[in-house]
Amino acid sequence: MADETWTVEVDREACIGSGVCASVAPLHFSVEDGRSQPRAERVAPVEELRDVVVLCPGAAVIVRDGVGEPVE
């Protein structure tokens, strides 16, 4: 059976601290010290994470599916 969780990362060097991720998916992201960070590394798949990947102005959010492929 395939892993049904996604991995969430933030490239803190690419993050510009806009807070879009925390606004779109507040259960999954917080902004601390001017940069985003995921609240958990592994999460159940949710559509809001796809939205964050697309909307992040710094392209800093990386979400991967259970086999390691980028979620877009």
Protein backbone atom coordinates (compact mmCIF):
# COMPACT_ATOMS: atom_id res chain seq x y z
CA MET A 1 0.00 0.00 0.00
CA ALA A 2 1.36 3.43 -0.94
CA ASP A 3 2.12 6.06 1.67
CA GLU A 4 -0.86 8.41 1.69
CA THR A 5 0.86 11.29 3.49
CA TRP A 6 2.56 14.29 1.96
CA THR A 7 5.83 15.85 3.05
CA VAL A 8 5.85 19.63 3.54
CA GLU A 9 9.02 21.74 3.47
CA VAL A 10 9.87 25.42 3.27
CA ASP A 11 13.09 26.66 1.70
CA ARG A 12 13.83 29.32 4.33
CA GLU A 13 16.35 31.05 2.05
CA ALA A 14 13.73 31.43 -0.70
CA CYS A 15 10.95 32.41 1.73
CA ILE A 16 10.20 36.14 1.69
CA GLY A 17 7.82 35.97 4.66
CA SER A 18 4.71 37.14 2.82
CA GLY A 19 2.46 34.94 4.95
CA VAL A 20 0.44 33.67 2.00
CA CYS A 21 0.96 30.09 3.14
CA ALA A 22 -0.27 30.81 6.67
CA SER A 23 -3.28 32.68 5.27
CA VAL A 24 -4.27 29.95 2.82
CA ALA A 25 -3.44 26.96 5.06
CA PRO A 26 -3.19 28.17 8.67
CA LEU A 27 -3.40 24.64 10.05
CA HIS A 28 -0.24 23.76 8.12
CA PHE A 29 1.99 26.86 8.27
CA SER A 30 3.09 29.57 10.67
CA VAL A 31 5.36 32.56 10.16
CA GLU A 32 8.09 32.97 12.75
CA ASP A 33 11.05 35.33 12.68
CA GLY A 34 9.86 36.62 9.29
CA ARG A 35 9.89 33.21 7.61
CA SER A 36 7.36 30.46 7.07
CA GLN A 37 7.61 27.05 8.60
CA PRO A 38 5.42 23.99 8.33
CA ARG A 39 3.57 23.01 11.48
CA ALA A 40 4.22 19.32 10.66
CA GLU A 41 6.58 17.61 8.25
CA ARG A 42 4.14 14.86 7.23
CA VAL A 43 0.47 15.58 6.67
CA ALA A 44 -2.65 14.09 5.12
CA PRO A 45 -3.19 15.35 1.57
CA VAL A 46 -5.31 18.51 1.43
CA GLU A 47 -6.09 20.79 -1.50
CA GLU A 48 -4.93 23.92 0.37
CA LEU A 49 -1.35 22.67 0.15
CA ARG A 50 -1.57 22.58 -3.64
CA ASP A 51 -2.83 26.16 -3.53
CA VAL A 52 0.09 27.24 -1.33
CA VAL A 53 2.63 25.73 -3.74
CA VAL A 54 1.12 27.77 -6.58
CA LEU A 55 0.55 31.00 -4.63
CA CYS A 56 3.84 31.27 -2.70
CA PRO A 57 5.54 34.37 -4.16
CA GLY A 58 9.01 33.07 -3.30
CA ALA A 59 8.31 29.54 -4.58
CA ALA A 60 9.60 28.42 -1.19
CA VAL A 61 6.98 25.80 -0.34
CA ILE A 62 7.73 22.25 -1.44
CA VAL A 63 5.11 19.54 -1.05
CA ARG A 64 5.84 15.95 -2.04
CA ASP A 65 3.50 12.99 -2.28
CA GLY A 66 4.07 9.64 -0.61
CA VAL A 67 6.57 8.51 -3.25
CA GLY A 68 8.52 11.77 -3.21
CA GLU A 69 7.08 13.39 -6.33
CA PRO A 70 6.35 17.13 -6.18
CA VAL A 71 2.68 18.03 -5.70
CA GLU A 72 1.57 20.81 -7.99
